[in-house]
Amino acid sequence: FLGNGSQGVGVEQMIDDFSAVLYVHLVQEGGELLLQLEMPTESVLKAAQIAHEAGVYVILNPAPACKLPAEIFPNVDLMTPNQTESEFFTGIHVSDEESAAKAAQALRDMGVGDIVMTMGSKGSMGFTAAGEQFFTPAKKVKAVDATAAGDTFCGALAVALSEGKDLREAAQLPDEDLARILCAAFRAWQGRTVDVGVLERAIVAGISAGAADFAEHRPT
């Protein structure tokens, strides 16, 4: 995938080549496409458009928040902003369920389909394109390291949806599944032996997005 260091090496051609490969994969495999914003905006837009046109469910984790072209939002089936990102895109300060609903409606007005808004230790709010609204309280845990918590949540959400769960069910992640995914990723980072099936699930869940960065700092 294209990273921000690709300037000066034919970005437009790279996007065209990537688009062709992505289209073939999506048509063959279907499922979901999970995107985030640690790549050129042009790549995100192109990928979202290709996937949406192919009938693939497009999930956008809008992190880190940055200005996006208006045409991207109608191509997003599910957006997963946190409170800060919700405010960035809508101008509405999110502090409770009422303000979350207003921000979600603003995103819907931009063209987004479903929304799952994470609200830190409170939990998350879900808003479907059909008008359903639900709250999922967060489980109380002792936080040790919140690194990639949002990425992991989005990845596990995508996996749950790919397994046939509806949005409400997918947002209520089984604690043991999420814990096993996190442990598998951390053990792999340390170079320790892991259960291949669990690690494969972790990779599918999107943790691989941070693996390259972790690998640079992996203990030797």
N, C-alpha and C. Protein backbone atom coordinates (compact mmCIF):
# COMPACT_ATOMS: atom_id res chain seq x y z
N PHE A 1 0.85 -1.19 0.00
CA PHE A 1 0.00 0.00 0.00
C PHE A 1 0.88 1.24 0.00
N LEU A 2 0.38 2.32 -0.53
CA LEU A 2 1.18 3.54 -0.60
C LEU A 2 1.32 4.19 0.77
N GLY A 3 2.53 4.61 1.08
CA GLY A 3 2.77 5.34 2.32
C GLY A 3 3.07 6.78 2.01
N ASN A 4 3.21 7.59 3.05
CA ASN A 4 3.45 9.01 2.83
C ASN A 4 4.84 9.30 2.29
N GLY A 5 5.71 8.30 2.25
CA GLY A 5 7.06 8.52 1.74
C GLY A 5 7.18 8.27 0.26
N SER A 6 6.08 8.21 -0.46
CA SER A 6 6.12 7.84 -1.87
C SER A 6 6.21 9.02 -2.82
N GLN A 7 6.42 10.24 -2.30
CA GLN A 7 6.51 11.41 -3.16
C GLN A 7 7.69 11.27 -4.11
N GLY A 8 7.47 11.72 -5.34
CA GLY A 8 8.56 11.76 -6.28
C GLY A 8 8.85 10.43 -6.97
N VAL A 9 8.00 9.42 -6.78
CA VAL A 9 8.26 8.13 -7.41
C VAL A 9 7.04 7.67 -8.22
N GLY A 10 6.39 8.63 -8.87
CA GLY A 10 5.26 8.30 -9.72
C GLY A 10 4.04 7.87 -8.96
N VAL A 11 3.57 8.72 -8.05
CA VAL A 11 2.43 8.37 -7.21
C VAL A 11 1.18 8.04 -8.03
N GLU A 12 0.90 8.83 -9.06
CA GLU A 12 -0.30 8.59 -9.87
C GLU A 12 -0.25 7.21 -10.52
N GLN A 13 0.92 6.84 -11.05
CA GLN A 13 1.05 5.53 -11.67
C GLN A 13 0.91 4.42 -10.64
N MET A 14 1.48 4.65 -9.44
CA MET A 14 1.37 3.67 -8.37
C MET A 14 -0.08 3.46 -7.97
N ILE A 15 -0.83 4.57 -7.91
CA ILE A 15 -2.25 4.48 -7.55
C ILE A 15 -3.01 3.71 -8.62
N ASP A 16 -2.70 3.97 -9.91
CA ASP A 16 -3.36 3.27 -11.00
C ASP A 16 -3.07 1.77 -10.94
N ASP A 17 -1.80 1.42 -10.71
CA ASP A 17 -1.41 0.01 -10.62
C ASP A 17 -2.09 -0.65 -9.42
N PHE A 18 -2.09 0.06 -8.30
CA PHE A 18 -2.72 -0.46 -7.09
C PHE A 18 -4.21 -0.65 -7.31
N SER A 19 -4.83 0.29 -8.00
CA SER A 19 -6.27 0.23 -8.25
C SER A 19 -6.65 -1.01 -9.04
N ALA A 20 -5.84 -1.34 -10.02
CA ALA A 20 -6.13 -2.50 -10.85
C ALA A 20 -6.06 -3.78 -10.02
N VAL A 21 -5.03 -3.89 -9.19
CA VAL A 21 -4.86 -5.07 -8.34
C VAL A 21 -6.00 -5.15 -7.32
N LEU A 22 -6.33 -4.02 -6.71
CA LEU A 22 -7.39 -3.99 -5.71
C LEU A 22 -8.72 -4.39 -6.31
N TYR A 23 -9.02 -3.90 -7.51
CA TYR A 23 -10.30 -4.20 -8.14
C TYR A 23 -10.45 -5.70 -8.37
N VAL A 24 -9.41 -6.32 -8.91
CA VAL A 24 -9.46 -7.76 -9.17
C VAL A 24 -9.66 -8.53 -7.87
N HIS A 25 -8.93 -8.13 -6.82
CA HIS A 25 -9.04 -8.81 -5.53
C HIS A 25 -10.44 -8.68 -4.95
N LEU A 26 -10.98 -7.46 -4.99
CA LEU A 26 -12.29 -7.22 -4.41
C LEU A 26 -13.40 -7.97 -5.15
N VAL A 27 -13.30 -8.00 -6.47
CA VAL A 27 -14.30 -8.69 -7.26
C VAL A 27 -14.26 -10.19 -6.96
N GLN A 28 -13.05 -10.71 -6.77
CA GLN A 28 -12.89 -12.14 -6.51
C GLN A 28 -13.26 -12.51 -5.08
N GLU A 29 -12.87 -11.66 -4.13
CA GLU A 29 -13.02 -12.01 -2.72
C GLU A 29 -14.25 -11.40 -2.04
N GLY A 30 -14.63 -10.18 -2.48
CA GLY A 30 -15.75 -9.51 -1.82
C GLY A 30 -15.41 -9.17 -0.38
N GLY A 31 -16.43 -9.19 0.51
CA GLY A 31 -16.17 -8.94 1.92
C GLY A 31 -16.12 -7.47 2.26
N GLU A 32 -15.15 -7.09 3.09
CA GLU A 32 -15.02 -5.72 3.56
C GLU A 32 -13.65 -5.15 3.19
N LEU A 33 -13.59 -3.84 3.10
CA LEU A 33 -12.32 -3.15 2.92
C LEU A 33 -12.18 -2.15 4.05
N LEU A 34 -11.12 -2.30 4.85
CA LEU A 34 -10.87 -1.42 5.98
C LEU A 34 -9.75 -0.44 5.62
N LEU A 35 -10.05 0.84 5.71
CA LEU A 35 -9.10 1.89 5.37
C LEU A 35 -8.83 2.79 6.56
N GLN A 36 -7.63 3.40 6.59
CA GLN A 36 -7.33 4.45 7.56
C GLN A 36 -6.58 5.55 6.82
N LEU A 37 -6.19 6.60 7.52
CA LEU A 37 -5.68 7.79 6.85
C LEU A 37 -4.17 7.97 6.96
N GLU A 38 -3.44 6.92 7.26
CA GLU A 38 -1.98 7.00 7.27
C GLU A 38 -1.41 6.64 5.90
N MET A 39 -2.05 7.19 4.87
CA MET A 39 -1.63 7.00 3.49
C MET A 39 -2.15 8.19 2.70
N PRO A 40 -1.67 8.40 1.48
CA PRO A 40 -2.14 9.55 0.70
C PRO A 40 -3.66 9.55 0.54
N THR A 41 -4.26 10.71 0.67
CA THR A 41 -5.71 10.85 0.54
C THR A 41 -6.21 10.31 -0.79
N GLU A 42 -5.40 10.53 -1.86
CA GLU A 42 -5.79 10.05 -3.18
C GLU A 42 -5.97 8.53 -3.18
N SER A 43 -5.11 7.85 -2.45
CA SER A 43 -5.19 6.38 -2.38
C SER A 43 -6.46 5.94 -1.66
N VAL A 44 -6.77 6.62 -0.56
CA VAL A 44 -7.96 6.30 0.23
C VAL A 44 -9.21 6.50 -0.61
N LEU A 45 -9.30 7.63 -1.29
CA LEU A 45 -10.46 7.94 -2.12
C LEU A 45 -10.62 6.91 -3.23
N LYS A 46 -9.51 6.62 -3.92
CA LYS A 46 -9.57 5.67 -5.04
C LYS A 46 -9.99 4.29 -4.57
N ALA A 47 -9.41 3.84 -3.47
CA ALA A 47 -9.74 2.52 -2.93
C ALA A 47 -11.21 2.45 -2.53
N ALA A 48 -11.70 3.51 -1.85
CA ALA A 48 -13.09 3.54 -1.42
C ALA A 48 -14.04 3.50 -2.62
N GLN A 49 -13.71 4.26 -3.65
CA GLN A 49 -14.56 4.30 -4.85
C GLN A 49 -14.60 2.94 -5.54
N ILE A 50 -13.43 2.32 -5.70
CA ILE A 50 -13.36 1.02 -6.37
C ILE A 50 -14.15 -0.03 -5.59
N ALA A 51 -13.94 -0.07 -4.28
CA ALA A 51 -14.62 -1.06 -3.45
C ALA A 51 -16.12 -0.83 -3.45
N HIS A 52 -16.55 0.41 -3.29
CA HIS A 52 -17.98 0.73 -3.25
C HIS A 52 -18.66 0.32 -4.55
N GLU A 53 -18.00 0.61 -5.67
CA GLU A 53 -18.56 0.27 -6.97
C GLU A 53 -18.64 -1.25 -7.16
N ALA A 54 -17.72 -1.97 -6.49
CA ALA A 54 -17.71 -3.43 -6.59
C ALA A 54 -18.67 -4.08 -5.61
N GLY A 55 -19.40 -3.26 -4.82
CA GLY A 55 -20.36 -3.79 -3.87
C GLY A 55 -19.75 -4.28 -2.58
N VAL A 56 -18.52 -3.83 -2.30
CA VAL A 56 -17.82 -4.23 -1.09
C VAL A 56 -18.12 -3.23 0.02
N TYR A 57 -18.29 -3.72 1.24
CA TYR A 57 -18.59 -2.88 2.41
C TYR A 57 -17.31 -2.14 2.81
N VAL A 58 -17.33 -0.81 2.71
CA VAL A 58 -16.14 0.01 2.96
C VAL A 58 -16.18 0.58 4.37
N ILE A 59 -15.13 0.29 5.15
CA ILE A 59 -15.00 0.79 6.52
C ILE A 59 -13.86 1.79 6.56
N LEU A 60 -14.13 2.96 7.09
CA LEU A 60 -13.09 3.98 7.22
C LEU A 60 -12.84 4.32 8.67
N ASN A 61 -11.62 4.05 9.12
CA ASN A 61 -11.14 4.50 10.43
C ASN A 61 -10.45 5.84 10.18
N PRO A 62 -11.10 6.97 10.49
CA PRO A 62 -10.59 8.29 10.08
C PRO A 62 -9.46 8.81 10.97
N ALA A 63 -8.39 8.04 11.07
CA ALA A 63 -7.27 8.41 11.92
C ALA A 63 -5.96 8.25 11.15
N PRO A 64 -5.06 9.22 11.29
CA PRO A 64 -5.26 10.49 12.00
C PRO A 64 -6.17 11.42 11.20
N ALA A 65 -6.98 12.18 11.90
CA ALA A 65 -7.95 13.06 11.25
C ALA A 65 -7.25 14.07 10.35
N CYS A 66 -7.76 14.22 9.15
CA CYS A 66 -7.21 15.20 8.21
C CYS A 66 -8.33 15.60 7.25
N LYS A 67 -8.13 16.68 6.54
CA LYS A 67 -9.15 17.16 5.61
C LYS A 67 -9.33 16.15 4.49
N LEU A 68 -10.59 15.80 4.20
CA LEU A 68 -10.90 14.82 3.17
C LEU A 68 -11.80 15.43 2.11
N PRO A 69 -11.67 14.98 0.86
CA PRO A 69 -12.58 15.47 -0.18
C PRO A 69 -13.99 15.00 0.08
N ALA A 70 -14.96 15.85 -0.21
CA ALA A 70 -16.36 15.54 0.07
C ALA A 70 -16.83 14.26 -0.61
N GLU A 71 -16.24 13.93 -1.77
CA GLU A 71 -16.71 12.76 -2.52
C GLU A 71 -16.35 11.43 -1.87
N ILE A 72 -15.51 11.45 -0.86
CA ILE A 72 -15.15 10.18 -0.23
C ILE A 72 -16.28 9.63 0.64
N PHE A 73 -17.02 10.52 1.30
CA PHE A 73 -18.01 10.08 2.29
C PHE A 73 -19.14 9.22 1.74
N PRO A 74 -19.69 9.51 0.54
CA PRO A 74 -20.75 8.64 0.01
C PRO A 74 -20.24 7.24 -0.35
N ASN A 75 -18.92 7.05 -0.37
CA ASN A 75 -18.34 5.75 -0.66
C ASN A 75 -18.00 4.97 0.60
N VAL A 76 -18.33 5.53 1.76
CA VAL A 76 -18.01 4.89 3.04
C VAL A 76 -19.28 4.30 3.64
N ASP A 77 -19.28 2.97 3.83
CA ASP A 77 -20.43 2.29 4.41
C ASP A 77 -20.42 2.33 5.93
N LEU A 78 -19.23 2.37 6.52
CA LEU A 78 -19.11 2.44 7.97
C LEU A 78 -17.91 3.31 8.33
N MET A 79 -18.14 4.29 9.19
CA MET A 79 -17.06 5.17 9.66
C MET A 79 -16.94 4.97 11.17
N THR A 80 -15.69 4.93 11.67
CA THR A 80 -15.48 4.62 13.09
C THR A 80 -14.66 5.71 13.79
N PRO A 81 -15.17 6.93 13.87
CA PRO A 81 -14.41 8.00 14.51
C PRO A 81 -14.48 7.94 16.02
N ASN A 82 -13.45 8.49 16.67
CA ASN A 82 -13.56 8.70 18.11
C ASN A 82 -14.17 10.08 18.33
N GLN A 83 -14.22 10.54 19.57
CA GLN A 83 -14.87 11.83 19.84
C GLN A 83 -14.13 12.99 19.20
N THR A 84 -12.80 12.96 19.26
CA THR A 84 -12.00 14.04 18.68
C THR A 84 -12.16 14.09 17.17
N GLU A 85 -12.11 12.93 16.54
CA GLU A 85 -12.26 12.87 15.09
C GLU A 85 -13.66 13.27 14.65
N SER A 86 -14.66 12.91 15.45
CA SER A 86 -16.03 13.30 15.14
C SER A 86 -16.16 14.82 15.13
N GLU A 87 -15.55 15.46 16.11
CA GLU A 87 -15.59 16.92 16.18
C GLU A 87 -14.83 17.54 15.01
N PHE A 88 -13.70 16.93 14.64
CA PHE A 88 -12.90 17.46 13.53
C PHE A 88 -13.71 17.50 12.24
N PHE A 89 -14.45 16.44 11.97
CA PHE A 89 -15.18 16.35 10.70
C PHE A 89 -16.54 17.06 10.72
N THR A 90 -17.11 17.24 11.90
CA THR A 90 -18.46 17.82 11.96
C THR A 90 -18.52 19.18 12.65
N GLY A 91 -17.51 19.51 13.46
CA GLY A 91 -17.54 20.75 14.22
C GLY A 91 -18.40 20.65 15.46
N ILE A 92 -18.89 19.46 15.77
CA ILE A 92 -19.75 19.25 16.94
C ILE A 92 -18.94 18.58 18.04
N HIS A 93 -18.86 19.23 19.19
CA HIS A 93 -18.13 18.66 20.33
C HIS A 93 -18.94 17.50 20.90
N VAL A 94 -18.32 16.32 20.95
CA VAL A 94 -19.02 15.11 21.42
C VAL A 94 -18.63 14.81 22.87
N SER A 95 -19.62 14.84 23.75
CA SER A 95 -19.37 14.58 25.17
C SER A 95 -20.36 13.60 25.78
N ASP A 96 -21.48 13.35 25.08
CA ASP A 96 -22.50 12.45 25.60
C ASP A 96 -23.29 11.86 24.44
N GLU A 97 -24.32 11.08 24.75
CA GLU A 97 -25.08 10.40 23.71
C GLU A 97 -25.80 11.40 22.79
N GLU A 98 -26.31 12.47 23.37
CA GLU A 98 -27.04 13.46 22.56
C GLU A 98 -26.13 14.13 21.54
N SER A 99 -24.95 14.57 21.99
CA SER A 99 -24.03 15.23 21.06
C SER A 99 -23.45 14.23 20.06
N ALA A 100 -23.30 12.97 20.49
CA ALA A 100 -22.81 11.93 19.58
C ALA A 100 -23.82 11.71 18.46
N ALA A 101 -25.11 11.72 18.81
CA ALA A 101 -26.16 11.53 17.81
C ALA A 101 -26.18 12.69 16.81
N LYS A 102 -25.94 13.91 17.29
CA LYS A 102 -25.90 15.07 16.39
C LYS A 102 -24.72 14.97 15.43
N ALA A 103 -23.56 14.56 15.95
CA ALA A 103 -22.38 14.41 15.11
C ALA A 103 -22.58 13.29 14.09
N ALA A 104 -23.21 12.21 14.53
CA ALA A 104 -23.47 11.09 13.63
C ALA A 104 -24.40 11.53 12.50
N GLN A 105 -25.43 12.32 12.83
CA GLN A 105 -26.34 12.80 11.80
C GLN A 105 -25.62 13.69 10.80
N ALA A 106 -24.67 14.49 11.30
CA ALA A 106 -23.90 15.36 10.41
C ALA A 106 -23.07 14.51 9.44
N LEU A 107 -22.50 13.42 9.93
CA LEU A 107 -21.75 12.51 9.07
C LEU A 107 -22.67 11.83 8.07
N ARG A 108 -23.87 11.47 8.53
CA ARG A 108 -24.85 10.86 7.63
C ARG A 108 -25.22 11.83 6.52
N ASP A 109 -25.35 13.10 6.88
CA ASP A 109 -25.69 14.13 5.88
C ASP A 109 -24.59 14.28 4.84
N MET A 110 -23.36 13.94 5.21
CA MET A 110 -22.24 13.99 4.26
C MET A 110 -22.26 12.80 3.31
N GLY A 111 -23.03 11.77 3.67
CA GLY A 111 -23.12 10.60 2.80
C GLY A 111 -22.69 9.30 3.42
N VAL A 112 -22.16 9.33 4.65
CA VAL A 112 -21.72 8.11 5.32
C VAL A 112 -22.91 7.22 5.65
N GLY A 113 -22.71 5.90 5.59
CA GLY A 113 -23.79 4.97 5.90
C GLY A 113 -23.92 4.72 7.39
N ASP A 114 -23.27 3.69 7.89
CA ASP A 114 -23.29 3.36 9.31
C ASP A 114 -22.15 4.08 10.04
N ILE A 115 -22.33 4.26 11.35
CA ILE A 115 -21.31 4.91 12.17
C ILE A 115 -21.19 4.20 13.51
N VAL A 116 -19.97 3.90 13.91
CA VAL A 116 -19.69 3.44 15.27
C VAL A 116 -18.70 4.43 15.84
N MET A 117 -19.13 5.18 16.83
CA MET A 117 -18.32 6.24 17.42
C MET A 117 -17.78 5.77 18.76
N THR A 118 -16.46 5.67 18.87
CA THR A 118 -15.86 5.24 20.13
C THR A 118 -15.77 6.43 21.07
N MET A 119 -16.05 6.17 22.36
CA MET A 119 -16.11 7.25 23.35
C MET A 119 -15.28 6.92 24.58
N GLY A 120 -14.07 6.44 24.32
CA GLY A 120 -13.13 6.17 25.39
C GLY A 120 -13.64 5.14 26.38
N SER A 121 -13.47 5.44 27.66
CA SER A 121 -13.85 4.51 28.72
C SER A 121 -15.36 4.33 28.84
N LYS A 122 -16.14 5.20 28.17
CA LYS A 122 -17.60 5.08 28.23
C LYS A 122 -18.10 3.92 27.38
N GLY A 123 -17.43 3.70 26.25
CA GLY A 123 -17.86 2.65 25.34
C GLY A 123 -17.98 3.18 23.93
N SER A 124 -19.02 2.80 23.22
CA SER A 124 -19.20 3.27 21.85
C SER A 124 -20.69 3.44 21.54
N MET A 125 -20.95 4.32 20.58
CA MET A 125 -22.31 4.55 20.10
C MET A 125 -22.40 4.07 18.67
N GLY A 126 -23.49 3.36 18.35
CA GLY A 126 -23.69 2.89 16.99
C GLY A 126 -24.90 3.55 16.35
N PHE A 127 -24.76 3.90 15.08
CA PHE A 127 -25.85 4.54 14.34
C PHE A 127 -25.91 3.88 12.96
N THR A 128 -26.99 3.20 12.64
CA THR A 128 -27.09 2.52 11.37
C THR A 128 -27.77 3.39 10.32
N ALA A 129 -27.55 3.03 9.06
CA ALA A 129 -28.17 3.76 7.95
C ALA A 129 -29.68 3.65 8.01
N ALA A 130 -30.18 2.61 8.67
CA ALA A 130 -31.62 2.40 8.78
C ALA A 130 -32.24 3.23 9.91
N GLY A 131 -31.39 3.95 10.67
CA GLY A 131 -31.90 4.80 11.74
C GLY A 131 -31.84 4.21 13.13
N GLU A 132 -31.29 3.00 13.27
CA GLU A 132 -31.16 2.39 14.59
C GLU A 132 -30.00 3.02 15.35
N GLN A 133 -30.17 3.18 16.65
CA GLN A 133 -29.13 3.75 17.51
C GLN A 133 -28.94 2.83 18.71
N PHE A 134 -27.68 2.59 19.08
CA PHE A 134 -27.43 1.73 20.23
C PHE A 134 -26.14 2.14 20.93
N PHE A 135 -26.06 1.82 22.20
CA PHE A 135 -24.89 2.12 23.03
C PHE A 135 -24.28 0.82 23.53
N THR A 136 -22.97 0.71 23.39
CA THR A 136 -22.25 -0.46 23.89
C THR A 136 -21.29 0.00 24.98
N PRO A 137 -21.57 -0.32 26.24
CA PRO A 137 -20.67 0.13 27.32
C PRO A 137 -19.32 -0.58 27.25
N ALA A 138 -18.29 0.14 27.65
CA ALA A 138 -16.94 -0.44 27.66
C ALA A 138 -16.78 -1.34 28.89
N LYS A 139 -16.01 -2.40 28.72
CA LYS A 139 -15.69 -3.27 29.85
C LYS A 139 -14.61 -2.59 30.70
N LYS A 140 -14.73 -2.70 31.99
CA LYS A 140 -13.76 -2.09 32.89
C LYS A 140 -12.52 -2.98 32.99
N VAL A 141 -11.39 -2.41 32.60
CA VAL A 141 -10.13 -3.15 32.65
C VAL A 141 -9.04 -2.23 33.20
N LYS A 142 -7.93 -2.82 33.60
CA LYS A 142 -6.77 -2.04 34.00
C LYS A 142 -5.95 -1.78 32.75
N ALA A 143 -5.91 -0.53 32.31
CA ALA A 143 -5.19 -0.18 31.09
C ALA A 143 -3.69 -0.22 31.32
N VAL A 144 -3.00 -0.99 30.48
CA VAL A 144 -1.55 -1.10 30.56
C VAL A 144 -0.89 -0.30 29.45
N ASP A 145 -1.43 -0.42 28.23
CA ASP A 145 -0.89 0.29 27.09
C ASP A 145 -2.00 0.43 26.06
N ALA A 146 -2.35 1.65 25.73
CA ALA A 146 -3.46 1.89 24.80
C ALA A 146 -3.00 1.99 23.35
N THR A 147 -1.73 1.69 23.08
CA THR A 147 -1.21 1.76 21.72
C THR A 147 -2.03 0.88 20.78
N ALA A 148 -2.47 1.46 19.68
CA ALA A 148 -3.22 0.75 18.63
C ALA A 148 -4.57 0.21 19.10
N ALA A 149 -5.09 0.73 20.21
CA ALA A 149 -6.39 0.27 20.69
C ALA A 149 -7.49 0.54 19.66
N GLY A 150 -7.47 1.72 19.08
CA GLY A 150 -8.47 2.06 18.07
C GLY A 150 -8.34 1.20 16.83
N ASP A 151 -7.10 0.97 16.38
CA ASP A 151 -6.87 0.12 15.21
C ASP A 151 -7.38 -1.29 15.46
N THR A 152 -7.09 -1.79 16.66
CA THR A 152 -7.51 -3.15 17.01
C THR A 152 -9.03 -3.26 17.06
N PHE A 153 -9.68 -2.26 17.65
CA PHE A 153 -11.14 -2.25 17.72
C PHE A 153 -11.73 -2.30 16.31
N CYS A 154 -11.21 -1.45 15.41
CA CYS A 154 -11.73 -1.40 14.05
C CYS A 154 -11.48 -2.71 13.31
N GLY A 155 -10.30 -3.28 13.52
CA GLY A 155 -9.99 -4.54 12.86
C GLY A 155 -10.88 -5.67 13.34
N ALA A 156 -11.06 -5.75 14.65
CA ALA A 156 -11.92 -6.80 15.21
C ALA A 156 -13.37 -6.60 14.79
N LEU A 157 -13.79 -5.34 14.69
CA LEU A 157 -15.15 -5.02 14.22
C LEU A 157 -15.33 -5.52 12.79
N ALA A 158 -14.31 -5.29 11.95
CA ALA A 158 -14.37 -5.74 10.56
C ALA A 158 -14.46 -7.26 10.47
N VAL A 159 -13.67 -7.94 11.30
CA VAL A 159 -13.71 -9.41 11.31
C VAL A 159 -15.09 -9.91 11.72
N ALA A 160 -15.66 -9.31 12.75
CA ALA A 160 -16.99 -9.72 13.22
C ALA A 160 -18.04 -9.53 12.13
N LEU A 161 -17.95 -8.43 11.40
CA LEU A 161 -18.89 -8.18 10.31
C LEU A 161 -18.70 -9.21 9.20
N SER A 162 -17.44 -9.55 8.92
CA SER A 162 -17.16 -10.54 7.87
C SER A 162 -17.67 -11.92 8.24
N GLU A 163 -17.86 -12.15 9.53
CA GLU A 163 -18.37 -13.44 10.01
C GLU A 163 -19.90 -13.47 10.04
N GLY A 164 -20.52 -12.39 9.55
CA GLY A 164 -21.98 -12.40 9.43
C GLY A 164 -22.73 -11.71 10.54
N LYS A 165 -22.01 -11.12 11.49
CA LYS A 165 -22.69 -10.43 12.59
C LYS A 165 -23.23 -9.10 12.09
N ASP A 166 -24.35 -8.64 12.68
CA ASP A 166 -24.82 -7.30 12.33
C ASP A 166 -24.00 -6.28 13.12
N LEU A 167 -24.24 -5.00 12.87
CA LEU A 167 -23.40 -3.97 13.46
C LEU A 167 -23.47 -3.96 14.98
N ARG A 168 -24.66 -4.14 15.53
CA ARG A 168 -24.81 -4.14 16.99
C ARG A 168 -24.02 -5.31 17.61
N GLU A 169 -24.15 -6.49 17.01
CA GLU A 169 -23.42 -7.65 17.52
C GLU A 169 -21.92 -7.47 17.37
N ALA A 170 -21.51 -6.92 16.23
CA ALA A 170 -20.08 -6.75 15.97
C ALA A 170 -19.44 -5.77 16.94
N ALA A 171 -20.21 -4.77 17.36
CA ALA A 171 -19.68 -3.77 18.29
C ALA A 171 -19.52 -4.32 19.69
N GLN A 172 -20.21 -5.41 19.99
CA GLN A 172 -20.10 -6.04 21.30
C GLN A 172 -19.08 -7.16 21.23
N LEU A 173 -17.81 -6.77 21.10
CA LEU A 173 -16.74 -7.73 20.89
C LEU A 173 -16.56 -8.64 22.09
N PRO A 174 -16.48 -9.95 21.87
CA PRO A 174 -16.20 -10.86 22.98
C PRO A 174 -14.85 -10.52 23.59
N ASP A 175 -14.81 -10.32 24.88
CA ASP A 175 -13.58 -9.92 25.55
C ASP A 175 -12.43 -10.89 25.29
N GLU A 176 -12.75 -12.19 25.35
CA GLU A 176 -11.68 -13.16 25.21
C GLU A 176 -11.08 -13.14 23.81
N ASP A 177 -11.93 -12.90 22.77
CA ASP A 177 -11.42 -12.83 21.41
C ASP A 177 -10.48 -11.65 21.23
N LEU A 178 -10.91 -10.48 21.74
CA LEU A 178 -10.09 -9.29 21.60
C LEU A 178 -8.78 -9.45 22.37
N ALA A 179 -8.84 -10.03 23.55
CA ALA A 179 -7.64 -10.22 24.35
C ALA A 179 -6.67 -11.16 23.64
N ARG A 180 -7.19 -12.23 23.03
CA ARG A 180 -6.32 -13.18 22.34
C ARG A 180 -5.67 -12.52 21.12
N ILE A 181 -6.41 -11.67 20.42
CA ILE A 181 -5.85 -10.97 19.26
C ILE A 181 -4.71 -10.07 19.69
N LEU A 182 -4.93 -9.30 20.76
CA LEU A 182 -3.90 -8.39 21.25
C LEU A 182 -2.66 -9.16 21.72
N CYS A 183 -2.87 -10.26 22.42
CA CYS A 183 -1.75 -11.05 22.90
C CYS A 183 -0.95 -11.64 21.75
N ALA A 184 -1.65 -12.10 20.72
CA ALA A 184 -0.97 -12.69 19.57
C ALA A 184 -0.10 -11.66 18.88
N ALA A 185 -0.64 -10.45 18.72
CA ALA A 185 0.13 -9.39 18.07
C ALA A 185 1.36 -9.02 18.90
N PHE A 186 1.19 -8.92 20.21
CA PHE A 186 2.30 -8.53 21.07
C PHE A 186 3.38 -9.61 21.11
N ARG A 187 2.95 -10.88 21.15
CA ARG A 187 3.92 -11.98 21.17
C ARG A 187 4.71 -12.02 19.86
N ALA A 188 4.01 -11.76 18.74
CA ALA A 188 4.68 -11.76 17.45
C ALA A 188 5.71 -10.64 17.40
N TRP A 189 5.35 -9.49 17.95
CA TRP A 189 6.27 -8.34 17.99
C TRP A 189 7.53 -8.71 18.78
N GLN A 190 7.38 -9.48 19.84
CA GLN A 190 8.51 -9.89 20.66
C GLN A 190 9.29 -11.05 20.06
N GLY A 191 8.80 -11.58 18.94
CA GLY A 191 9.49 -12.69 18.33
C GLY A 191 9.22 -14.01 19.00
N ARG A 192 8.13 -14.09 19.76
CA ARG A 192 7.79 -15.30 20.50
C ARG A 192 6.84 -16.18 19.69
N THR A 193 6.76 -17.45 20.04
CA THR A 193 5.89 -18.40 19.35
C THR A 193 4.42 -18.09 19.65
N VAL A 194 3.61 -18.12 18.61
CA VAL A 194 2.18 -17.84 18.79
C VAL A 194 1.37 -18.90 18.05
N ASP A 195 0.11 -19.01 18.42
CA ASP A 195 -0.82 -19.88 17.72
C ASP A 195 -1.09 -19.26 16.35
N VAL A 196 -0.77 -20.00 15.29
CA VAL A 196 -0.88 -19.46 13.94
C VAL A 196 -2.30 -19.00 13.63
N GLY A 197 -3.29 -19.77 14.07
CA GLY A 197 -4.67 -19.39 13.80
C GLY A 197 -5.04 -18.07 14.43
N VAL A 198 -4.59 -17.87 15.67
CA VAL A 198 -4.89 -16.61 16.37
C VAL A 198 -4.15 -15.46 15.71
N LEU A 199 -2.89 -15.68 15.35
CA LEU A 199 -2.13 -14.61 14.71
C LEU A 199 -2.72 -14.26 13.36
N GLU A 200 -3.19 -15.28 12.64
CA GLU A 200 -3.82 -15.03 11.35
C GLU A 200 -5.05 -14.16 11.53
N ARG A 201 -5.82 -14.43 12.58
CA ARG A 201 -7.01 -13.63 12.89
C ARG A 201 -6.60 -12.20 13.23
N ALA A 202 -5.48 -12.06 13.94
CA ALA A 202 -4.99 -10.74 14.29
C ALA A 202 -4.59 -9.96 13.05
N ILE A 203 -3.95 -10.65 12.11
CA ILE A 203 -3.54 -9.98 10.88
C ILE A 203 -4.75 -9.56 10.08
N VAL A 204 -5.72 -10.47 9.97
CA VAL A 204 -6.96 -10.15 9.26
C VAL A 204 -7.64 -8.96 9.93
N ALA A 205 -7.52 -8.87 11.25
CA ALA A 205 -8.17 -7.81 12.00
C ALA A 205 -7.54 -6.45 11.79
N GLY A 206 -6.45 -6.41 11.03
CA GLY A 206 -5.88 -5.12 10.70
C GLY A 206 -4.67 -4.75 11.51
N ILE A 207 -4.24 -5.61 12.43
CA ILE A 207 -3.09 -5.29 13.24
C ILE A 207 -1.82 -5.26 12.40
N SER A 208 -1.85 -5.92 11.25
CA SER A 208 -0.69 -5.92 10.37
C SER A 208 -0.33 -4.51 9.94
N ALA A 209 -1.31 -3.59 9.98
CA ALA A 209 -1.03 -2.21 9.60
C ALA A 209 0.04 -1.60 10.48
N GLY A 210 0.09 -2.04 11.74
CA GLY A 210 1.11 -1.49 12.63
C GLY A 210 2.32 -2.38 12.79
N ALA A 211 2.29 -3.56 12.15
CA ALA A 211 3.37 -4.52 12.33
C ALA A 211 4.70 -4.01 11.79
N ALA A 212 4.65 -3.33 10.65
CA ALA A 212 5.89 -2.83 10.06
C ALA A 212 6.56 -1.82 10.98
N ASP A 213 5.75 -0.96 11.59
CA ASP A 213 6.29 0.03 12.50
C ASP A 213 6.85 -0.64 13.76
N PHE A 214 6.09 -1.64 14.28
CA PHE A 214 6.55 -2.35 15.46
C PHE A 214 7.86 -3.09 15.18
N ALA A 215 7.97 -3.65 13.96
CA ALA A 215 9.14 -4.44 13.61
C ALA A 215 10.43 -3.62 13.71
N GLU A 216 10.32 -2.34 13.44
CA GLU A 216 11.51 -1.48 13.52
C GLU A 216 12.03 -1.36 14.94
N HIS A 217 11.14 -1.58 15.92
CA HIS A 217 11.51 -1.41 17.31
C HIS A 217 11.46 -2.74 18.08
N ARG A 218 11.37 -3.84 17.32
CA ARG A 218 11.26 -5.15 17.95
C ARG A 218 12.53 -5.50 18.72
N PRO A 219 12.39 -6.04 19.92
CA PRO A 219 13.58 -6.43 20.70
C PRO A 219 14.42 -7.46 19.95
N THR A 220 15.73 -7.35 20.04
CA THR A 220 16.63 -8.30 19.35
C THR A 220 17.19 -9.28 20.38
